[in-house]
Amino acid sequence: MKTSIGTLLTAVLTTTAGKIMTALGVSVISYTGVSALQQQLISHITQGLGQTPPAALQLFYIAGGGVALNWILGAFAFLAGWGTAAKLGTVFNRK
């Protein structure tokens, strides 16, 4: 009896173990992508701040610029995690 790869994948991915493996795979890929994107963003911000004069940079930090950057990057990480968790939730709710 011949079975195609599509039939085999469908049978594996409809089981609970298959759903868990799929969810873990999606989360690992999402985490890796978000982490790479965040590192690139931090590198661009650091490079941009490195080109500013030291006095202006000190004023930026005194005014709370560093805290604001932490909030923005933290919000970005939270939203990425929230979106990934929402997608994983839909995987387990399907029947």
PDB file of N, CA and C in Angstrom:
ATOM      1  N   MET A   1       0.846  -1.168   0.000  1.00  0.00           N
ATOM      2  CA  MET A   1       0.000   0.000   0.000  1.00  0.00           C
ATOM      3  C   MET A   1       0.896   1.237   0.000  1.00  0.00           C
ATOM      4  N   LYS A   2       0.638   2.129  -0.933  1.00  0.00           N
ATOM      5  CA  LYS A   2       1.438   3.342  -1.055  1.00  0.00           C
ATOM      6  C   LYS A   2       0.804   4.470  -0.244  1.00  0.00           C
ATOM      7  N   THR A   3       1.617   5.123   0.540  1.00  0.00           N
ATOM      8  CA  THR A   3       1.164   6.315   1.249  1.00  0.00           C
ATOM      9  C   THR A   3       2.082   7.455   0.861  1.00  0.00           C
ATOM     10  N   SER A   4       1.495   8.588   0.713  1.00  0.00           N
ATOM     11  CA  SER A   4       2.298   9.745   0.331  1.00  0.00           C
ATOM     12  C   SER A   4       2.864  10.423   1.575  1.00  0.00           C
ATOM     13  N   ILE A   5       3.827  11.271   1.353  1.00  0.00           N
ATOM     14  CA  ILE A   5       4.435  12.016   2.464  1.00  0.00           C
ATOM     15  C   ILE A   5       3.402  12.932   3.108  1.00  0.00           C
ATOM     16  N   GLY A   6       2.517  13.505   2.303  1.00  0.00           N
ATOM     17  CA  GLY A   6       1.471  14.384   2.840  1.00  0.00           C
ATOM     18  C   GLY A   6       0.546  13.652   3.791  1.00  0.00           C
ATOM     19  N   THR A   7       0.175  12.445   3.431  1.00  0.00           N
ATOM     20  CA  THR A   7      -0.699  11.652   4.293  1.00  0.00           C
ATOM     21  C   THR A   7       0.006  11.300   5.597  1.00  0.00           C
ATOM     22  N   LEU A   8       1.273  10.941   5.483  1.00  0.00           N
ATOM     23  CA  LEU A   8       2.051  10.604   6.671  1.00  0.00           C
ATOM     24  C   LEU A   8       2.209  11.814   7.593  1.00  0.00           C
ATOM     25  N   LEU A   9       2.534  12.983   7.020  1.00  0.00           N
ATOM     26  CA  LEU A   9       2.671  14.201   7.832  1.00  0.00           C
ATOM     27  C   LEU A   9       1.353  14.591   8.482  1.00  0.00           C
ATOM     28  N   THR A  10       0.252  14.460   7.768  1.00  0.00           N
ATOM     29  CA  THR A  10      -1.053  14.783   8.336  1.00  0.00           C
ATOM     30  C   THR A  10      -1.371  13.872   9.511  1.00  0.00           C
ATOM     31  N   ALA A  11      -1.062  12.587   9.371  1.00  0.00           N
ATOM     32  CA  ALA A  11      -1.329  11.644  10.460  1.00  0.00           C
ATOM     33  C   ALA A  11      -0.484  11.963  11.687  1.00  0.00           C
ATOM     34  N   VAL A  12       0.766  12.344  11.477  1.00  0.00           N
ATOM     35  CA  VAL A  12       1.655  12.647  12.607  1.00  0.00           C
ATOM     36  C   VAL A  12       1.266  13.959  13.269  1.00  0.00           C
ATOM     37  N   LEU A  13       0.957  14.981  12.468  1.00  0.00           N
ATOM     38  CA  LEU A  13       0.701  16.302  13.026  1.00  0.00           C
ATOM     39  C   LEU A  13      -0.678  16.453  13.654  1.00  0.00           C
ATOM     40  N   THR A  14      -1.574  15.514  13.450  1.00  0.00           N
ATOM     41  CA  THR A  14      -2.884  15.620  14.084  1.00  0.00           C
ATOM     42  C   THR A  14      -2.907  14.985  15.475  1.00  0.00           C
ATOM     43  N   THR A  15      -1.879  14.272  15.847  1.00  0.00           N
ATOM     44  CA  THR A  15      -1.822  13.704  17.194  1.00  0.00           C
ATOM     45  C   THR A  15      -1.382  14.787  18.180  1.00  0.00           C
ATOM     46  N   THR A  16      -1.574  14.524  19.441  1.00  0.00           N
ATOM     47  CA  THR A  16      -1.178  15.484  20.469  1.00  0.00           C
ATOM     48  C   THR A  16       0.330  15.679  20.482  1.00  0.00           C
ATOM     49  N   ALA A  17       1.065  14.597  20.346  1.00  0.00           N
ATOM     50  CA  ALA A  17       2.527  14.711  20.313  1.00  0.00           C
ATOM     51  C   ALA A  17       2.971  15.527  19.101  1.00  0.00           C
ATOM     52  N   GLY A  18       2.309  15.335  17.983  1.00  0.00           N
ATOM     53  CA  GLY A  18       2.631  16.113  16.783  1.00  0.00           C
ATOM     54  C   GLY A  18       2.340  17.583  16.977  1.00  0.00           C
ATOM     55  N   LYS A  19       1.226  17.894  17.638  1.00  0.00           N
ATOM     56  CA  LYS A  19       0.891  19.298  17.901  1.00  0.00           C
ATOM     57  C   LYS A  19       1.913  19.941  18.836  1.00  0.00           C
ATOM     58  N   ILE A  20       2.351  19.186  19.839  1.00  0.00           N
ATOM     59  CA  ILE A  20       3.349  19.716  20.770  1.00  0.00           C
ATOM     60  C   ILE A  20       4.670  19.954  20.051  1.00  0.00           C
ATOM     61  N   MET A  21       5.078  19.008  19.213  1.00  0.00           N
ATOM     62  CA  MET A  21       6.322  19.184  18.466  1.00  0.00           C
ATOM     63  C   MET A  21       6.229  20.367  17.504  1.00  0.00           C
ATOM     64  N   THR A  22       5.082  20.533  16.865  1.00  0.00           N
ATOM     65  CA  THR A  22       4.890  21.669  15.966  1.00  0.00           C
ATOM     66  C   THR A  22       4.938  22.977  16.741  1.00  0.00           C
ATOM     67  N   ALA A  23       4.281  23.030  17.880  1.00  0.00           N
ATOM     68  CA  ALA A  23       4.276  24.236  18.694  1.00  0.00           C
ATOM     69  C   ALA A  23       5.678  24.588  19.167  1.00  0.00           C
ATOM     70  N   LEU A  24       6.430  23.587  19.590  1.00  0.00           N
ATOM     71  CA  LEU A  24       7.804  23.847  20.026  1.00  0.00           C
ATOM     72  C   LEU A  24       8.670  24.320  18.865  1.00  0.00           C
ATOM     73  N   GLY A  25       8.472  23.743  17.702  1.00  0.00           N
ATOM     74  CA  GLY A  25       9.230  24.171  16.530  1.00  0.00           C
ATOM     75  C   GLY A  25       8.920  25.601  16.147  1.00  0.00           C
ATOM     76  N   VAL A  26       7.642  25.964  16.172  1.00  0.00           N
ATOM     77  CA  VAL A  26       7.246  27.334  15.849  1.00  0.00           C
ATOM     78  C   VAL A  26       7.814  28.296  16.877  1.00  0.00           C
ATOM     79  N   SER A  27       7.790  27.904  18.149  1.00  0.00           N
ATOM     80  CA  SER A  27       8.298  28.811  19.183  1.00  0.00           C
ATOM     81  C   SER A  27       9.807  28.998  19.065  1.00  0.00           C
ATOM     82  N   VAL A  28      10.542  27.945  18.740  1.00  0.00           N
ATOM     83  CA  VAL A  28      11.992  28.067  18.585  1.00  0.00           C
ATOM     84  C   VAL A  28      12.329  28.958  17.396  1.00  0.00           C
ATOM     85  N   ILE A  29      11.634  28.762  16.301  1.00  0.00           N
ATOM     86  CA  ILE A  29      11.880  29.589  15.114  1.00  0.00           C
ATOM     87  C   ILE A  29      11.511  31.044  15.393  1.00  0.00           C
ATOM     88  N   SER A  30      10.392  31.276  16.057  1.00  0.00           N
ATOM     89  CA  SER A  30       9.979  32.644  16.384  1.00  0.00           C
ATOM     90  C   SER A  30      10.980  33.303  17.324  1.00  0.00           C
ATOM     91  N   TYR A  31      11.421  32.570  18.350  1.00  0.00           N
ATOM     92  CA  TYR A  31      12.372  33.126  19.307  1.00  0.00           C
ATOM     93  C   TYR A  31      13.683  33.479  18.620  1.00  0.00           C
ATOM     94  N   THR A  32      14.158  32.602  17.751  1.00  0.00           N
ATOM     95  CA  THR A  32      15.419  32.849  17.053  1.00  0.00           C
ATOM     96  C   THR A  32      15.309  34.078  16.159  1.00  0.00           C
ATOM     97  N   GLY A  33      14.212  34.187  15.439  1.00  0.00           N
ATOM     98  CA  GLY A  33      14.010  35.344  14.559  1.00  0.00           C
ATOM     99  C   GLY A  33      13.889  36.641  15.325  1.00  0.00           C
ATOM    100  N   VAL A  34      13.114  36.625  16.395  1.00  0.00           N
ATOM    101  CA  VAL A  34      12.933  37.841  17.203  1.00  0.00           C
ATOM    102  C   VAL A  34      14.239  38.230  17.874  1.00  0.00           C
ATOM    103  N   SER A  35      14.985  37.250  18.351  1.00  0.00           N
ATOM    104  CA  SER A  35      16.260  37.530  18.992  1.00  0.00           C
ATOM    105  C   SER A  35      17.240  38.159  18.002  1.00  0.00           C
ATOM    106  N   ALA A  36      17.317  37.623  16.800  1.00  0.00           N
ATOM    107  CA  ALA A  36      18.207  38.193  15.782  1.00  0.00           C
ATOM    108  C   ALA A  36      17.775  39.606  15.411  1.00  0.00           C
ATOM    109  N   LEU A  37      16.474  39.819  15.279  1.00  0.00           N
ATOM    110  CA  LEU A  37      15.958  41.149  14.942  1.00  0.00           C
ATOM    111  C   LEU A  37      16.248  42.144  16.060  1.00  0.00           C
ATOM    112  N   GLN A  38      16.081  41.714  17.305  1.00  0.00           N
ATOM    113  CA  GLN A  38      16.330  42.592  18.440  1.00  0.00           C
ATOM    114  C   GLN A  38      17.822  42.925  18.548  1.00  0.00           C
ATOM    115  N   GLN A  39      18.683  41.971  18.314  1.00  0.00           N
ATOM    116  CA  GLN A  39      20.125  42.247  18.350  1.00  0.00           C
ATOM    117  C   GLN A  39      20.518  43.232  17.260  1.00  0.00           C
ATOM    118  N   GLN A  40      19.912  43.102  16.093  1.00  0.00           N
ATOM    119  CA  GLN A  40      20.195  44.034  15.007  1.00  0.00           C
ATOM    120  C   GLN A  40      19.704  45.437  15.362  1.00  0.00           C
ATOM    121  N   LEU A  41      18.534  45.541  15.965  1.00  0.00           N
ATOM    122  CA  LEU A  41      18.001  46.838  16.384  1.00  0.00           C
ATOM    123  C   LEU A  41      18.894  47.476  17.444  1.00  0.00           C
ATOM    124  N   ILE A  42      19.330  46.702  18.422  1.00  0.00           N
ATOM    125  CA  ILE A  42      20.209  47.213  19.476  1.00  0.00           C
ATOM    126  C   ILE A  42      21.533  47.674  18.878  1.00  0.00           C
ATOM    127  N   SER A  43      22.044  46.925  17.922  1.00  0.00           N
ATOM    128  CA  SER A  43      23.303  47.314  17.283  1.00  0.00           C
ATOM    129  C   SER A  43      23.165  48.627  16.530  1.00  0.00           C
ATOM    130  N   HIS A  44      22.032  48.838  15.847  1.00  0.00           N
ATOM    131  CA  HIS A  44      21.814  50.101  15.133  1.00  0.00           C
ATOM    132  C   HIS A  44      21.659  51.270  16.107  1.00  0.00           C
ATOM    133  N   ILE A  45      20.966  51.031  17.211  1.00  0.00           N
ATOM    134  CA  ILE A  45      20.797  52.097  18.206  1.00  0.00           C
ATOM    135  C   ILE A  45      22.144  52.448  18.834  1.00  0.00           C
ATOM    136  N   THR A  46      22.925  51.432  19.178  1.00  0.00           N
ATOM    137  CA  THR A  46      24.252  51.661  19.762  1.00  0.00           C
ATOM    138  C   THR A  46      25.152  52.403  18.795  1.00  0.00           C
ATOM    139  N   GLN A  47      25.095  52.022  17.538  1.00  0.00           N
ATOM    140  CA  GLN A  47      25.907  52.686  16.522  1.00  0.00           C
ATOM    141  C   GLN A  47      25.472  54.139  16.360  1.00  0.00           C
ATOM    142  N   GLY A  48      24.173  54.385  16.380  1.00  0.00           N
ATOM    143  CA  GLY A  48      23.675  55.753  16.266  1.00  0.00           C
ATOM    144  C   GLY A  48      24.040  56.611  17.467  1.00  0.00           C
ATOM    145  N   LEU A  49      23.946  56.026  18.658  1.00  0.00           N
ATOM    146  CA  LEU A  49      24.306  56.773  19.861  1.00  0.00           C
ATOM    147  C   LEU A  49      25.812  56.999  19.950  1.00  0.00           C
ATOM    148  N   GLY A  50      26.581  56.101  19.364  1.00  0.00           N
ATOM    149  CA  GLY A  50      28.033  56.252  19.375  1.00  0.00           C
ATOM    150  C   GLY A  50      28.514  57.420  18.522  1.00  0.00           C
ATOM    151  N   GLN A  51      27.699  57.862  17.588  1.00  0.00           N
ATOM    152  CA  GLN A  51      28.080  58.961  16.709  1.00  0.00           C
ATOM    153  C   GLN A  51      27.696  60.327  17.270  1.00  0.00           C
ATOM    154  N   THR A  52      26.970  60.350  18.363  1.00  0.00           N
ATOM    155  CA  THR A  52      26.574  61.627  18.945  1.00  0.00           C
ATOM    156  C   THR A  52      27.697  62.163  19.821  1.00  0.00           C
ATOM    157  N   PRO A  53      27.763  63.471  19.968  1.00  0.00           N
ATOM    158  CA  PRO A  53      28.788  64.050  20.852  1.00  0.00           C
ATOM    159  C   PRO A  53      28.558  63.610  22.303  1.00  0.00           C
ATOM    160  N   PRO A  54      29.636  63.466  23.062  1.00  0.00           N
ATOM    161  CA  PRO A  54      29.511  62.972  24.452  1.00  0.00           C
ATOM    162  C   PRO A  54      28.610  63.848  25.328  1.00  0.00           C
ATOM    163  N   ALA A  55      28.645  65.150  25.153  1.00  0.00           N
ATOM    164  CA  ALA A  55      27.810  66.027  25.981  1.00  0.00           C
ATOM    165  C   ALA A  55      26.328  65.795  25.680  1.00  0.00           C
ATOM    166  N   ALA A  56      25.990  65.646  24.412  1.00  0.00           N
ATOM    167  CA  ALA A  56      24.599  65.395  24.033  1.00  0.00           C
ATOM    168  C   ALA A  56      24.144  64.025  24.535  1.00  0.00           C
ATOM    169  N   LEU A  57      25.046  63.064  24.502  1.00  0.00           N
ATOM    170  CA  LEU A  57      24.714  61.724  24.983  1.00  0.00           C
ATOM    171  C   LEU A  57      24.453  61.735  26.494  1.00  0.00           C
ATOM    172  N   GLN A  58      25.257  62.500  27.232  1.00  0.00           N
ATOM    173  CA  GLN A  58      25.036  62.621  28.676  1.00  0.00           C
ATOM    174  C   GLN A  58      23.698  63.279  28.968  1.00  0.00           C
ATOM    175  N   LEU A  59      23.341  64.301  28.215  1.00  0.00           N
ATOM    176  CA  LEU A  59      22.028  64.943  28.390  1.00  0.00           C
ATOM    177  C   LEU A  59      20.898  63.964  28.077  1.00  0.00           C
ATOM    178  N   PHE A  60      21.107  63.164  27.058  1.00  0.00           N
ATOM    179  CA  PHE A  60      20.116  62.145  26.685  1.00  0.00           C
ATOM    180  C   PHE A  60      19.893  61.172  27.842  1.00  0.00           C
ATOM    181  N   TYR A  61      20.982  60.713  28.452  1.00  0.00           N
ATOM    182  CA  TYR A  61      20.869  59.775  29.571  1.00  0.00           C
ATOM    183  C   TYR A  61      20.295  60.438  30.817  1.00  0.00           C
ATOM    184  N   ILE A  62      20.677  61.689  31.094  1.00  0.00           N
ATOM    185  CA  ILE A  62      20.138  62.404  32.253  1.00  0.00           C
ATOM    186  C   ILE A  62      18.634  62.608  32.099  1.00  0.00           C
ATOM    187  N   ALA A  63      18.183  62.867  30.868  1.00  0.00           N
ATOM    188  CA  ALA A  63      16.759  63.087  30.606  1.00  0.00           C
ATOM    189  C   ALA A  63      15.954  61.792  30.636  1.00  0.00           C
ATOM    190  N   GLY A  64      16.623  60.657  30.793  1.00  0.00           N
ATOM    191  CA  GLY A  64      15.905  59.380  30.878  1.00  0.00           C
ATOM    192  C   GLY A  64      15.847  58.637  29.565  1.00  0.00           C
ATOM    193  N   GLY A  65      16.705  58.963  28.633  1.00  0.00           N
ATOM    194  CA  GLY A  65      16.702  58.294  27.341  1.00  0.00           C
ATOM    195  C   GLY A  65      17.027  56.821  27.431  1.00  0.00           C
ATOM    196  N   GLY A  66      17.930  56.460  28.327  1.00  0.00           N
ATOM    197  CA  GLY A  66      18.280  55.045  28.494  1.00  0.00           C
ATOM    198  C   GLY A  66      17.107  54.233  29.011  1.00  0.00           C
ATOM    199  N   VAL A  67      16.367  54.808  29.957  1.00  0.00           N
ATOM    200  CA  VAL A  67      15.190  54.126  30.503  1.00  0.00           C
ATOM    201  C   VAL A  67      14.121  53.985  29.421  1.00  0.00           C
ATOM    202  N   ALA A  68      13.945  55.042  28.628  1.00  0.00           N
ATOM    203  CA  ALA A  68      12.958  54.990  27.552  1.00  0.00           C
ATOM    204  C   ALA A  68      13.321  53.914  26.528  1.00  0.00           C
ATOM    205  N   LEU A  69      14.615  53.809  26.201  1.00  0.00           N
ATOM    206  CA  LEU A  69      15.037  52.755  25.275  1.00  0.00           C
ATOM    207  C   LEU A  69      14.786  51.374  25.863  1.00  0.00           C
ATOM    208  N   ASN A  70      15.016  51.208  27.151  1.00  0.00           N
ATOM    209  CA  ASN A  70      14.727  49.925  27.807  1.00  0.00           C
ATOM    210  C   ASN A  70      13.246  49.592  27.744  1.00  0.00           C
ATOM    211  N   TRP A  71      12.394  50.584  27.954  1.00  0.00           N
ATOM    212  CA  TRP A  71      10.950  50.360  27.877  1.00  0.00           C
ATOM    213  C   TRP A  71      10.534  49.957  26.470  1.00  0.00           C
ATOM    214  N   ILE A  72      11.077  50.650  25.480  1.00  0.00           N
ATOM    215  CA  ILE A  72      10.713  50.353  24.088  1.00  0.00           C
ATOM    216  C   ILE A  72      11.163  48.950  23.704  1.00  0.00           C
ATOM    217  N   LEU A  73      12.400  48.599  24.030  1.00  0.00           N
ATOM    218  CA  LEU A  73      12.895  47.260  23.696  1.00  0.00           C
ATOM    219  C   LEU A  73      12.164  46.183  24.497  1.00  0.00           C
ATOM    220  N   GLY A  74      11.829  46.475  25.742  1.00  0.00           N
ATOM    221  CA  GLY A  74      11.058  45.526  26.546  1.00  0.00           C
ATOM    222  C   GLY A  74       9.656  45.321  25.996  1.00  0.00           C
ATOM    223  N   ALA A  75       9.022  46.412  25.551  1.00  0.00           N
ATOM    224  CA  ALA A  75       7.689  46.304  24.954  1.00  0.00           C
ATOM    225  C   ALA A  75       7.744  45.492  23.659  1.00  0.00           C
ATOM    226  N   PHE A  76       8.797  45.696  22.882  1.00  0.00           N
ATOM    227  CA  PHE A  76       8.963  44.939  21.648  1.00  0.00           C
ATOM    228  C   PHE A  76       9.088  43.450  21.949  1.00  0.00           C
ATOM    229  N   ALA A  77       9.887  43.102  22.932  1.00  0.00           N
ATOM    230  CA  ALA A  77      10.068  41.698  23.301  1.00  0.00           C
ATOM    231  C   ALA A  77       8.770  41.103  23.850  1.00  0.00           C
ATOM    232  N   PHE A  78       8.041  41.886  24.641  1.00  0.00           N
ATOM    233  CA  PHE A  78       6.775  41.412  25.190  1.00  0.00           C
ATOM    234  C   PHE A  78       5.763  41.148  24.081  1.00  0.00           C
ATOM    235  N   LEU A  79       5.646  42.075  23.143  1.00  0.00           N
ATOM    236  CA  LEU A  79       4.682  41.889  22.056  1.00  0.00           C
ATOM    237  C   LEU A  79       5.038  40.690  21.187  1.00  0.00           C
ATOM    238  N   ALA A  80       6.320  40.488  20.951  1.00  0.00           N
ATOM    239  CA  ALA A  80       6.735  39.323  20.168  1.00  0.00           C
ATOM    240  C   ALA A  80       6.392  38.033  20.910  1.00  0.00           C
ATOM    241  N   GLY A  81       6.638  38.007  22.199  1.00  0.00           N
ATOM    242  CA  GLY A  81       6.290  36.831  22.996  1.00  0.00           C
ATOM    243  C   GLY A  81       4.799  36.603  23.068  1.00  0.00           C
ATOM    244  N   TRP A  82       4.052  37.669  23.215  1.00  0.00           N
ATOM    245  CA  TRP A  82       2.589  37.582  23.287  1.00  0.00           C
ATOM    246  C   TRP A  82       2.028  37.038  21.973  1.00  0.00           C
ATOM    247  N   GLY A  83       2.533  37.539  20.855  1.00  0.00           N
ATOM    248  CA  GLY A  83       2.065  37.063  19.555  1.00  0.00           C
ATOM    249  C   GLY A  83       2.380  35.602  19.338  1.00  0.00           C
ATOM    250  N   THR A  84       3.564  35.189  19.758  1.00  0.00           N
ATOM    251  CA  THR A  84       3.941  33.783  19.625  1.00  0.00           C
ATOM    252  C   THR A  84       3.061  32.903  20.501  1.00  0.00           C
ATOM    253  N   ALA A  85       2.798  33.346  21.724  1.00  0.00           N
ATOM    254  CA  ALA A  85       1.944  32.566  22.631  1.00  0.00           C
ATOM    255  C   ALA A  85       0.519  32.472  22.089  1.00  0.00           C
ATOM    256  N   ALA A  86       0.037  33.542  21.479  1.00  0.00           N
ATOM    257  CA  ALA A  86      -1.317  33.522  20.911  1.00  0.00           C
ATOM    258  C   ALA A  86      -1.379  32.524  19.750  1.00  0.00           C
ATOM    259  N   LYS A  87      -0.334  32.489  18.931  1.00  0.00           N
ATOM    260  CA  LYS A  87      -0.321  31.527  17.821  1.00  0.00           C
ATOM    261  C   LYS A  87      -0.239  30.096  18.332  1.00  0.00           C
ATOM    262  N   LEU A  88       0.538  29.881  19.383  1.00  0.00           N
ATOM    263  CA  LEU A  88       0.624  28.526  19.942  1.00  0.00           C
ATOM    264  C   LEU A  88      -0.687  28.111  20.561  1.00  0.00           C
ATOM    265  N   GLY A  89      -1.425  29.054  21.147  1.00  0.00           N
ATOM    266  CA  GLY A  89      -2.725  28.741  21.727  1.00  0.00           C
ATOM    267  C   GLY A  89      -3.721  28.275  20.700  1.00  0.00           C
ATOM    268  N   THR A  90      -3.659  28.852  19.491  1.00  0.00           N
ATOM    269  CA  THR A  90      -4.589  28.436  18.452  1.00  0.00           C
ATOM    270  C   THR A  90      -4.265  27.032  17.940  1.00  0.00           C
ATOM    271  N   VAL A  91      -2.995  26.634  18.021  1.00  0.00           N
ATOM    272  CA  VAL A  91      -2.612  25.287  17.594  1.00  0.00           C
ATOM    273  C   VAL A  91      -3.270  24.247  18.508  1.00  0.00           C
ATOM    274  N   PHE A  92      -3.284  24.505  19.809  1.00  0.00           N
ATOM    275  CA  PHE A  92      -3.841  23.530  20.749  1.00  0.00           C
ATOM    276  C   PHE A  92      -5.367  23.583  20.815  1.00  0.00           C
ATOM    277  N   ASN A  93      -5.998  24.681  20.436  1.00  0.00           N
ATOM    278  CA  ASN A  93      -7.450  24.793  20.511  1.00  0.00           C
ATOM    279  C   ASN A  93      -8.147  24.175  19.315  1.00  0.00           C
ATOM    280  N   ARG A  94      -7.424  23.951  18.225  1.00  0.00           N
ATOM    281  CA  ARG A  94      -8.053  23.347  17.040  1.00  0.00           C
ATOM    282  C   ARG A  94      -8.346  21.872  17.301  1.00  0.00           C
ATOM    283  N   LYS A  95      -9.450  21.428  16.719  1.00  0.00           N
ATOM    284  CA  LYS A  95      -9.806  20.005  16.855  1.00  0.00           C
ATOM    285  C   LYS A  95      -9.934  19.380  15.498  1.00  0.00           C
TER     286      LYS A  95
END
